[in-house]
Amino acid sequence: QVQLEESGGGWVQPGGSLRLSCVASVSTFSLYHMRWYRQAPGKPREFVSVVTDDGSTDYADSVKGRFTMSRDNAKNTVYLQMNSLKPEDTAVYYCNAQQILLIKETWGQGIPVTVSS
């Protein structure tokens, strides 16, 4: 059973940057697709970004050009570099892991990000 731990959230002013990290406690990390989701107050959880097992990435339209997701298989870690942050990026961000060819997903506890002046 993989476990996920997010870090790096907090408060930042509009236009600022944050980097989220998610460490996975599993020996086969390279076999997982990793995603970030977010949930703003009063709204449903939404997809933010994905990095597949082979390193391909994709992003929600709302964050394209501002967010960059990457993975370091040697450290069992994925990152979400968030630049040019906007108040509408305020949400709890969740890390998600899905082993290739399987349906089951694992979620982290979530980490809050607040963008305000």
Protein backbone atom coordinates (compact mmCIF):
# COMPACT_ATOMS: atom_id res chain seq x y z
CA GLN A 1 0.00 0.00 0.00
CA VAL A 2 1.59 3.24 -1.15
CA GLN A 3 1.51 6.21 1.19
CA LEU A 4 1.84 9.80 0.03
CA GLU A 5 3.04 12.85 1.93
CA GLU A 6 2.68 16.35 0.54
CA SER A 7 4.69 19.38 1.59
CA GLY A 8 5.50 22.90 0.45
CA GLY A 9 2.12 24.59 0.70
CA GLY A 10 1.39 27.83 2.47
CA TRP A 11 0.53 31.45 1.81
CA VAL A 12 1.84 33.51 -1.05
CA GLN A 13 0.92 36.83 -2.62
CA PRO A 14 -0.57 36.98 -6.12
CA GLY A 15 2.17 36.63 -8.72
CA GLY A 16 4.33 34.61 -6.36
CA SER A 17 5.59 31.04 -6.54
CA LEU A 18 5.43 27.87 -4.50
CA ARG A 19 6.75 24.37 -5.04
CA LEU A 20 4.78 21.42 -3.76
CA SER A 21 6.41 18.06 -3.15
CA CYS A 22 4.88 14.63 -2.76
CA VAL A 23 6.92 11.71 -1.47
CA ALA A 24 5.66 8.18 -2.08
CA SER A 25 6.59 5.35 0.25
CA VAL A 26 6.72 2.54 -2.29
CA SER A 27 9.58 0.62 -3.85
CA THR A 28 8.05 0.61 -7.35
CA PHE A 29 7.52 4.36 -7.67
CA SER A 30 8.64 4.37 -11.29
CA LEU A 31 5.58 2.27 -12.14
CA TYR A 32 3.12 4.90 -10.96
CA HIS A 33 1.33 7.67 -12.77
CA MET A 34 1.28 10.63 -10.42
CA ARG A 35 -1.26 13.44 -10.41
CA TRP A 36 -2.06 16.62 -8.53
CA TYR A 37 -5.64 17.63 -7.87
CA ARG A 38 -7.02 20.58 -5.97
CA GLN A 39 -10.21 21.48 -4.20
CA ALA A 40 -11.22 25.05 -3.53
CA PRO A 41 -13.75 25.89 -0.81
CA GLY A 42 -17.26 25.01 -1.94
CA LYS A 43 -16.08 23.50 -5.21
CA PRO A 44 -15.50 19.92 -6.39
CA ARG A 45 -12.03 18.47 -6.59
CA GLU A 46 -10.42 19.14 -9.97
CA PHE A 47 -7.50 17.77 -11.94
CA VAL A 48 -4.39 19.93 -12.04
CA SER A 49 -1.58 17.93 -13.62
CA VAL A 50 -0.17 14.48 -14.33
CA VAL A 51 3.23 12.95 -14.91
CA THR A 52 3.11 9.44 -16.28
CA ASP A 53 5.51 6.60 -15.61
CA ASP A 54 7.49 7.56 -18.72
CA GLY A 55 7.69 11.22 -17.74
CA SER A 56 5.00 12.64 -20.00
CA THR A 57 3.05 15.54 -18.53
CA ASP A 58 -0.31 17.17 -19.02
CA TYR A 59 -2.06 20.07 -17.34
CA ALA A 60 -5.46 21.59 -16.80
CA ASP A 61 -6.01 24.56 -19.08
CA SER A 62 -6.27 26.84 -16.05
CA VAL A 63 -2.64 26.19 -15.06
CA LYS A 64 -0.92 25.62 -18.40
CA GLY A 65 2.11 27.86 -18.80
CA ARG A 66 2.23 28.60 -15.06
CA PHE A 67 2.61 25.20 -13.37
CA THR A 68 5.24 22.56 -14.07
CA MET A 69 5.09 19.01 -12.77
CA SER A 70 8.13 16.77 -12.59
CA ARG A 71 9.27 13.56 -10.96
CA ASP A 72 12.48 12.25 -9.45
CA ASN A 73 12.27 8.48 -9.33
CA ALA A 74 15.47 8.24 -7.31
CA LYS A 75 13.76 10.18 -4.53
CA ASN A 76 10.26 8.75 -4.98
CA THR A 77 9.08 12.33 -5.31
CA VAL A 78 6.98 14.45 -7.61
CA TYR A 79 7.01 18.21 -7.66
CA LEU A 80 4.58 20.88 -8.70
CA GLN A 81 6.27 24.20 -9.42
CA MET A 82 3.60 26.88 -9.32
CA ASN A 83 4.45 30.29 -10.74
CA SER A 84 2.41 33.42 -11.35
CA LEU A 85 -0.05 32.30 -8.73
CA LYS A 86 -3.53 33.79 -8.73
CA PRO A 87 -6.14 34.03 -5.96
CA GLU A 88 -8.18 31.43 -7.85
CA ASP A 89 -5.35 28.94 -7.30
CA THR A 90 -6.24 28.94 -3.61
CA ALA A 91 -7.20 25.38 -2.70
CA VAL A 92 -6.15 22.25 -0.90
CA TYR A 93 -3.81 20.38 -3.21
CA TYR A 94 -3.83 16.59 -3.24
CA CYS A 95 -1.23 14.18 -4.54
CA ASN A 96 -2.59 11.07 -6.27
CA ALA A 97 -0.85 7.84 -7.26
CA GLN A 98 -2.06 5.19 -9.67
CA GLN A 99 0.00 2.13 -10.55
CA ILE A 100 0.11 1.53 -14.27
CA LEU A 101 -2.48 -0.95 -15.60
CA LEU A 102 -4.43 -0.79 -12.33
CA ILE A 103 -7.51 1.21 -11.41
CA LYS A 104 -6.88 1.73 -7.71
CA GLU A 105 -5.72 5.19 -6.73
CA THR A 106 -4.13 6.45 -3.54
CA TRP A 107 -4.55 9.97 -2.20
CA GLY A 108 -2.43 12.09 0.05
CA GLN A 109 -3.86 14.05 2.96
CA GLY A 110 -3.79 17.30 1.05
CA ILE A 111 -1.92 20.52 1.66
CA PRO A 112 -3.41 24.01 1.61
CA VAL A 113 -2.24 26.76 -0.70
CA THR A 114 -3.52 30.29 -0.16
CA VAL A 115 -2.92 33.07 -2.66
CA SER A 116 -3.95 36.46 -1.38
CA SER A 117 -2.67 39.93 -0.73
